[in-house]
Amino acid sequence: MSINVTQTFFPPIEEYQSQIQRIWDNRWLTNRGALVLELEEKLKAHLAIPNITITNNGTIPLQIALKIVGGKGEIITTPFSYVATMAAIIWEDCKPIFVDIDEDHWTIDESKIESAITPNTTAILATHVFGNPCNVNVIESIAKKHNLKVIYDAAHAFGVKYFDKSIFEFGDISTCSFHATKLFHTGEGGAIICKDTDLNHKLYYSHNFGHNGPLAFWGLGINGKISELQAAMGLAVFPYISDILSSREQVVKAYDSNLDFSKIKKIKIREGTEWNYSYYPVIFKNEEILLKVQTALNNESIFPRRYFYPSLNTIDYANGSEMPISESIASKVLCLPLYAELPIVEVERIVKIINSIL
């Protein structure tokens, strides 16, 4: 059997079926039915946040946020993220302005943000990379000084806490992904989180065509609604969140205990972070060694992922300038297999192959 970089967590089928039965009983498939509303309430309580709007994927929240606060201006962002972060900026007729990343934490280098601000800057869109928080306090002070909005792409950051606060508490808007590859998922889905009441109202109605009831409209909107079928999966997965996190932690500890860190480097989790074990990225000395390791693992039907690669500033339509740290890390980083049901004996086999190449 192949070992992929991740594997979707499937709850017991009978528990999913019992949620599906509720849909059949309600005769209600979409348009914010009972299961969607219940899942939002459960997530608010679990994450200790004042509100959440769950959506049909993790990219639409970025697009909605940028539509509302981006103003077709310049958006300061990171080159080290999944392509959706940058693509959403360009899709919403804004311009990405890249700022290089911190060499240790791999998040946007907050010390370089201010020099990138121009009269056309409207927002900062930063990514909590692999669930590792940005330097949120410094970014907040910069944003306040220059009257900018802060959007956090927190696709990987479900359940992360920073100094005992949900990571979703920081910034003006946070977005999350509930894709099947994530530790909490709805098959396909996402969320918008915003603590400001007025801004949250705009975000909320924007995900539902702008509706104010069936016949009136608050304003412009799009279809970002999640269905009851997706919410059913989320409700079936929800009771297992703690188990999933615990199992992933054991996999991470096995990697930490056995990999040869004299020849590779791993991400530095920011001080004060309660991490969620979302990914296990390692940096090799150079791309040549990475490719040797990848080939050796592939030959054993083990499939890590070059993630994030390439550095976003190098993609043609980005028109980005050089970002030496991001480009260097992107060329040498490999995410090793990590999921709740990955046996520790397989982790040890993966490690043995890697160490033998090193």
Protein backbone atom coordinates (compact mmCIF):
# COMPACT_ATOMS: atom_id res chain seq x y z
CA MET A 1 0.00 0.00 0.00
CA SER A 2 1.23 3.51 -0.83
CA ILE A 3 2.02 6.01 1.88
CA ASN A 4 1.08 9.52 0.76
CA VAL A 5 2.02 12.83 2.31
CA THR A 6 -1.38 12.85 3.98
CA GLN A 7 -4.47 10.69 4.26
CA THR A 8 -8.03 11.80 4.87
CA PHE A 9 -9.51 10.87 8.23
CA PHE A 10 -12.71 8.89 7.70
CA PRO A 11 -15.04 8.72 10.69
CA PRO A 12 -16.97 5.47 11.25
CA ILE A 13 -19.35 5.19 8.32
CA GLU A 14 -22.38 4.56 10.52
CA GLU A 15 -21.76 7.90 12.29
CA TYR A 16 -21.65 9.71 8.97
CA GLN A 17 -24.76 7.84 7.84
CA SER A 18 -26.62 8.96 10.96
CA GLN A 19 -25.87 12.58 10.06
CA ILE A 20 -26.95 11.94 6.47
CA GLN A 21 -30.21 10.46 7.78
CA ARG A 22 -30.90 13.79 9.48
CA ILE A 23 -30.63 15.49 6.08
CA TRP A 24 -33.13 13.05 4.59
CA ASP A 25 -35.44 13.58 7.57
CA ASN A 26 -35.19 17.38 7.23
CA ARG A 27 -35.51 17.30 3.42
CA TRP A 28 -32.99 20.17 3.33
CA LEU A 29 -29.74 19.96 1.36
CA THR A 30 -28.26 23.47 1.34
CA ASN A 31 -28.89 27.15 2.15
CA ARG A 32 -27.64 26.97 5.74
CA GLY A 33 -29.66 24.10 7.10
CA ALA A 34 -29.70 22.62 10.59
CA LEU A 35 -26.41 20.72 10.22
CA VAL A 36 -24.48 23.78 9.02
CA LEU A 37 -25.82 25.83 11.91
CA GLU A 38 -24.99 23.09 14.42
CA LEU A 39 -21.45 22.71 13.08
CA GLU A 40 -20.83 26.45 13.33
CA GLU A 41 -21.94 26.44 16.96
CA LYS A 42 -19.72 23.46 17.79
CA LEU A 43 -16.72 25.07 16.11
CA LYS A 44 -17.26 28.40 17.88
CA ALA A 45 -17.29 26.64 21.24
CA HIS A 46 -14.34 24.38 20.44
CA LEU A 47 -12.16 27.18 19.07
CA ALA A 48 -13.32 29.78 21.63
CA ILE A 49 -14.14 32.37 18.96
CA PRO A 50 -17.13 34.75 18.82
CA ASN A 51 -18.31 33.81 15.34
CA ILE A 52 -17.53 31.71 12.29
CA THR A 53 -19.05 31.36 8.84
CA ILE A 54 -18.29 28.01 7.24
CA THR A 55 -17.96 28.00 3.46
CA ASN A 56 -17.82 25.65 0.50
CA ASN A 57 -14.00 25.74 0.29
CA GLY A 58 -10.99 27.47 1.80
CA THR A 59 -10.26 29.84 -1.09
CA ILE A 60 -13.60 31.64 -1.31
CA PRO A 61 -13.04 33.21 2.15
CA LEU A 62 -9.81 34.77 0.87
CA GLN A 63 -11.58 36.12 -2.18
CA ILE A 64 -14.46 37.54 -0.13
CA ALA A 65 -12.04 39.14 2.35
CA LEU A 66 -10.00 40.72 -0.44
CA LYS A 67 -13.13 41.92 -2.24
CA ILE A 68 -14.26 43.74 0.89
CA VAL A 69 -10.99 45.14 2.28
CA GLY A 70 -8.55 44.88 -0.65
CA GLY A 71 -9.97 47.75 -2.66
CA LYS A 72 -8.08 46.64 -5.80
CA GLY A 73 -4.94 47.93 -4.12
CA GLU A 74 -1.54 46.50 -3.28
CA ILE A 75 -1.61 43.58 -0.87
CA ILE A 76 1.58 42.83 1.05
CA THR A 77 1.94 39.07 1.17
CA THR A 78 4.29 36.14 1.52
CA PRO A 79 5.92 34.23 -1.35
CA PHE A 80 5.97 31.06 0.77
CA SER A 81 2.41 29.74 0.79
CA TYR A 82 0.06 27.66 -1.32
CA VAL A 83 -0.75 29.24 -4.66
CA ALA A 84 -4.33 30.01 -3.55
CA THR A 85 -3.04 32.82 -1.32
CA MET A 86 -1.53 34.73 -4.22
CA ALA A 87 -4.11 33.65 -6.80
CA ALA A 88 -6.94 35.09 -4.68
CA ILE A 89 -5.16 38.46 -4.61
CA ILE A 90 -4.79 38.60 -8.38
CA TRP A 91 -8.27 37.15 -8.98
CA GLU A 92 -9.76 40.04 -7.02
CA ASP A 93 -7.89 42.60 -9.15
CA CYS A 94 -5.41 43.41 -6.41
CA LYS A 95 -1.63 43.39 -6.75
CA PRO A 96 0.57 41.09 -4.64
CA ILE A 97 3.61 42.79 -3.15
CA PHE A 98 5.90 40.10 -1.85
CA VAL A 99 7.91 40.37 1.33
CA ASP A 100 10.50 37.66 2.02
CA ILE A 101 10.16 35.23 4.89
CA ASP A 102 11.80 34.66 8.25
CA GLU A 103 14.58 32.09 7.91
CA ASP A 104 13.55 30.17 11.03
CA HIS A 105 9.75 30.37 11.21
CA TRP A 106 9.13 30.60 7.42
CA THR A 107 6.37 33.15 7.95
CA ILE A 108 6.44 36.64 6.45
CA ASP A 109 9.40 38.65 7.82
CA GLU A 110 7.65 41.36 9.79
CA SER A 111 10.82 43.49 9.86
CA LYS A 112 10.56 43.91 6.06
CA ILE A 113 6.87 44.76 5.82
CA GLU A 114 7.03 48.50 6.50
CA SER A 115 9.50 49.20 3.71
CA ALA A 116 7.09 47.58 1.23
CA ILE A 117 4.16 49.86 2.13
CA THR A 118 3.17 52.48 -0.45
CA PRO A 119 0.21 54.87 -0.78
CA ASN A 120 -1.52 52.08 -2.76
CA THR A 121 -1.23 49.46 0.00
CA THR A 122 -4.62 48.44 1.38
CA ALA A 123 -3.96 45.24 3.34
CA ILE A 124 -1.50 42.66 4.58
CA LEU A 125 -2.28 39.02 3.74
CA ALA A 126 0.04 36.74 5.68
CA THR A 127 0.06 32.96 6.08
CA HIS A 128 0.45 31.01 9.31
CA VAL A 129 2.81 28.57 7.59
CA PHE A 130 2.20 24.90 8.41
CA GLY A 131 0.21 26.17 11.40
CA ASN A 132 3.16 28.24 12.66
CA PRO A 133 1.89 31.70 13.65
CA CYS A 134 3.16 34.89 12.09
CA ASN A 135 4.55 37.53 14.44
CA VAL A 136 1.00 38.78 14.90
CA ASN A 137 1.72 41.49 17.47
CA VAL A 138 4.29 43.29 15.34
CA ILE A 139 2.11 42.95 12.24
CA GLU A 140 -0.84 44.43 14.15
CA SER A 141 1.20 47.46 15.23
CA ILE A 142 2.39 48.07 11.66
CA ALA A 143 -1.16 47.76 10.33
CA LYS A 144 -2.52 50.21 12.89
CA LYS A 145 0.25 52.72 12.16
CA HIS A 146 -0.51 52.67 8.44
CA ASN A 147 -4.30 52.11 8.65
CA LEU A 148 -4.17 48.74 6.91
CA LYS A 149 -6.37 45.67 7.26
CA VAL A 150 -4.78 42.33 8.16
CA ILE A 151 -6.00 39.07 6.66
CA TYR A 152 -4.49 35.81 7.88
CA ASP A 153 -4.49 32.77 5.65
CA ALA A 154 -4.87 30.26 8.46
CA ALA A 155 -5.64 27.30 6.20
CA HIS A 156 -3.25 25.11 8.20
CA ALA A 157 -3.94 26.59 11.62
CA PHE A 158 -7.09 24.87 12.88
CA GLY A 159 -6.84 24.55 16.66
CA VAL A 160 -3.59 26.49 16.98
CA LYS A 161 -3.27 28.74 20.03
CA TYR A 162 -0.85 31.61 20.51
CA PHE A 163 -0.25 32.58 24.15
CA ASP A 164 -3.49 30.78 25.09
CA LYS A 165 -5.62 32.59 22.50
CA SER A 166 -7.05 31.05 19.35
CA ILE A 167 -4.91 32.04 16.38
CA PHE A 168 -8.18 33.11 14.75
CA GLU A 169 -8.42 35.95 17.27
CA PHE A 170 -5.64 37.86 15.53
CA GLY A 171 -5.93 40.14 12.54
CA ASP A 172 -9.10 41.64 11.09
CA ILE A 173 -10.05 38.48 9.19
CA SER A 174 -8.83 34.89 9.34
CA THR A 175 -9.62 32.19 6.82
CA CYS A 176 -9.33 28.44 7.23
CA SER A 177 -9.52 25.35 5.05
CA PHE A 178 -11.59 22.29 5.84
CA HIS A 179 -10.31 20.40 2.81
CA ALA A 180 -10.10 16.60 3.03
CA THR A 181 -6.34 16.83 3.60
CA LYS A 182 -6.69 18.95 6.74
CA LEU A 183 -6.78 17.65 10.30
CA PHE A 184 -10.38 18.80 10.66
CA HIS A 185 -12.33 18.55 7.44
CA THR A 186 -15.74 18.62 5.81
CA GLY A 187 -14.53 16.85 2.67
CA GLU A 188 -14.30 20.21 0.93
CA GLY A 189 -14.89 23.39 2.87
CA GLY A 190 -13.49 26.35 4.74
CA ALA A 191 -14.34 29.21 7.05
CA ILE A 192 -14.22 32.97 7.58
CA ILE A 193 -13.56 34.26 11.10
CA CYS A 194 -13.89 37.93 12.08
CA LYS A 195 -14.48 39.41 15.53
CA ASP A 196 -15.59 42.89 14.39
CA THR A 197 -19.38 42.85 14.24
CA ASP A 198 -19.84 45.17 11.27
CA LEU A 199 -17.08 43.62 9.16
CA ASN A 200 -18.27 40.12 10.03
CA HIS A 201 -21.77 41.08 8.83
CA LYS A 202 -20.37 42.10 5.44
CA LEU A 203 -18.35 38.91 5.17
CA TYR A 204 -21.37 36.84 6.12
CA TYR A 205 -23.82 38.26 3.61
CA SER A 206 -21.13 38.28 0.92
CA HIS A 207 -20.93 34.46 1.05
CA ASN A 208 -24.68 34.21 0.32
CA PHE A 209 -25.19 36.45 -2.73
CA GLY A 210 -25.63 39.47 -0.43
CA HIS A 211 -29.07 38.32 0.71
CA ASN A 212 -31.04 40.12 3.41
CA GLY A 213 -33.91 37.66 3.51
CA PRO A 214 -35.34 36.10 0.34
CA LEU A 215 -36.24 39.35 -1.46
CA ALA A 216 -33.81 42.03 -0.30
CA PHE A 217 -30.05 42.47 -0.38
CA TRP A 218 -27.47 44.00 1.93
CA GLY A 219 -25.02 44.31 -0.95
CA LEU A 220 -22.94 42.42 -3.50
CA GLY A 221 -22.25 38.76 -2.80
CA ILE A 222 -21.18 35.43 -4.22
CA ASN A 223 -22.12 31.80 -3.55
CA GLY A 224 -19.78 30.56 -0.83
CA LYS A 225 -22.29 28.41 1.04
CA ILE A 226 -21.46 24.95 2.29
CA SER A 227 -24.01 22.15 1.87
CA GLU A 228 -25.62 19.96 4.49
CA LEU A 229 -23.73 16.98 3.03
CA GLN A 230 -20.40 18.64 3.78
CA ALA A 231 -21.58 19.74 7.22
CA ALA A 232 -22.58 16.12 7.92
CA MET A 233 -18.99 15.05 7.35
CA GLY A 234 -17.77 17.82 9.64
CA LEU A 235 -20.15 16.75 12.40
CA ALA A 236 -18.99 13.14 12.04
CA VAL A 237 -15.32 14.13 12.19
CA PHE A 238 -15.76 16.66 15.01
CA PRO A 239 -15.82 14.18 17.97
CA TYR A 240 -12.43 12.84 16.87
CA ILE A 241 -10.49 16.11 16.81
CA SER A 242 -8.59 15.35 20.03
CA ASP A 243 -7.76 11.82 18.89
CA ILE A 244 -6.55 13.09 15.52
CA LEU A 245 -4.29 15.69 17.16
CA SER A 246 -2.92 13.16 19.64
CA SER A 247 -2.13 10.63 16.92
CA ARG A 248 -0.44 13.25 14.75
CA GLU A 249 1.62 14.37 17.75
CA GLN A 250 2.95 10.82 18.14
CA VAL A 251 4.01 10.74 14.50
CA VAL A 252 5.80 14.09 14.89
CA LYS A 253 7.59 12.84 18.02
CA ALA A 254 8.73 9.73 16.15
CA TYR A 255 10.22 11.88 13.39
CA ASP A 256 11.80 14.20 15.96
CA SER A 257 13.39 11.29 17.80
CA ASN A 258 14.84 9.48 14.80
CA LEU A 259 15.75 11.89 11.99
CA ASP A 260 19.37 12.99 11.64
CA PHE A 261 19.12 16.72 12.33
CA SER A 262 22.83 17.25 11.86
CA LYS A 263 22.08 17.24 8.12
CA ILE A 264 18.54 18.57 7.86
CA LYS A 265 16.62 21.44 9.41
CA LYS A 266 13.02 21.68 10.53
CA ILE A 267 10.68 24.59 11.06
CA LYS A 268 11.03 26.54 14.31
CA ILE A 269 7.66 26.81 16.01
CA ARG A 270 7.18 30.32 17.35
CA GLU A 271 7.48 30.70 21.11
CA GLY A 272 4.11 30.74 22.87
CA THR A 273 2.47 28.48 20.28
CA GLU A 274 0.29 25.48 20.98
CA TRP A 275 0.86 23.80 17.62
CA ASN A 276 -1.50 21.45 15.78
CA TYR A 277 0.99 19.03 14.12
CA SER A 278 -0.44 19.89 10.73
CA TYR A 279 2.62 19.12 8.56
CA TYR A 280 6.15 17.81 8.93
CA PRO A 281 8.41 19.83 6.60
CA VAL A 282 12.19 19.39 6.56
CA ILE A 283 14.88 21.32 4.70
CA PHE A 284 17.76 19.50 3.07
CA LYS A 285 21.22 20.90 2.39
CA ASN A 286 20.38 21.39 -1.28
CA GLU A 287 17.87 20.42 -3.94
CA GLU A 288 20.03 17.59 -5.21
CA ILE A 289 19.85 15.76 -1.88
CA LEU A 290 16.11 16.45 -1.65
CA LEU A 291 15.56 14.82 -5.05
CA LYS A 292 17.65 11.80 -4.06
CA VAL A 293 15.58 11.35 -0.90
CA GLN A 294 12.33 11.85 -2.78
CA THR A 295 13.31 9.26 -5.40
CA ALA A 296 14.38 6.74 -2.77
CA LEU A 297 11.08 7.15 -0.93
CA ASN A 298 9.03 6.99 -4.14
CA ASN A 299 10.78 3.72 -5.00
CA GLU A 300 9.29 2.34 -1.79
CA SER A 301 5.81 3.70 -2.65
CA ILE A 302 6.22 6.55 -0.17
CA PHE A 303 5.17 9.93 -1.53
CA PRO A 304 6.23 13.04 0.36
CA ARG A 305 5.44 16.41 -1.24
CA ARG A 306 7.50 19.41 -2.27
CA TYR A 307 5.37 21.90 -0.43
CA PHE A 308 5.51 24.86 -0.84
CA TYR A 309 7.12 24.79 -4.23
CA PRO A 310 7.82 26.87 -6.19
CA SER A 311 8.23 30.16 -4.34
CA LEU A 312 5.16 32.13 -5.45
CA ASN A 313 7.12 35.16 -6.64
CA THR A 314 8.66 33.00 -9.39
CA ILE A 315 5.33 32.06 -11.00
CA ASP A 316 4.91 33.90 -14.30
CA TYR A 317 1.68 35.75 -13.59
CA ALA A 318 2.95 36.97 -10.20
CA ASN A 319 5.45 39.40 -11.71
CA GLY A 320 7.37 39.16 -8.45
CA SER A 321 10.83 40.37 -7.56
CA GLU A 322 13.55 38.16 -6.07
CA MET A 323 12.84 36.64 -2.68
CA PRO A 324 16.10 34.86 -1.83
CA ILE A 325 15.11 33.21 1.45
CA SER A 326 11.76 31.95 0.19
CA GLU A 327 13.30 30.71 -3.06
CA SER A 328 16.05 28.92 -1.18
CA ILE A 329 13.71 27.21 1.28
CA ALA A 330 11.19 26.33 -1.44
CA SER A 331 13.91 24.55 -3.41
CA LYS A 332 14.96 22.40 -0.44
CA VAL A 333 11.79 21.73 1.59
CA LEU A 334 9.95 18.42 1.62
CA CYS A 335 6.84 17.58 3.63
CA LEU A 336 7.07 14.05 5.00
CA PRO A 337 4.00 11.82 5.41
CA LEU A 338 1.91 12.83 8.41
CA TYR A 339 -1.60 11.72 9.27
CA ALA A 340 -3.49 10.29 12.21
CA GLU A 341 -3.46 6.67 11.06
CA LEU A 342 0.18 6.50 9.96
CA PRO A 343 1.77 3.59 11.90
CA ILE A 344 4.91 4.47 13.84
CA VAL A 345 6.65 1.47 12.27
CA GLU A 346 6.16 3.15 8.89
CA VAL A 347 7.55 6.41 10.23
CA GLU A 348 10.63 4.49 11.33
CA ARG A 349 10.93 2.98 7.85
CA ILE A 350 10.68 6.45 6.26
CA VAL A 351 13.31 7.79 8.63
CA LYS A 352 15.67 4.89 7.92
CA ILE A 353 15.51 5.59 4.18
CA ILE A 354 16.11 9.32 4.68
CA ASN A 355 18.99 8.84 7.10
CA SER A 356 20.63 6.34 4.77
CA ILE A 357 20.65 8.91 1.96
CA LEU A 358 21.96 11.63 4.25
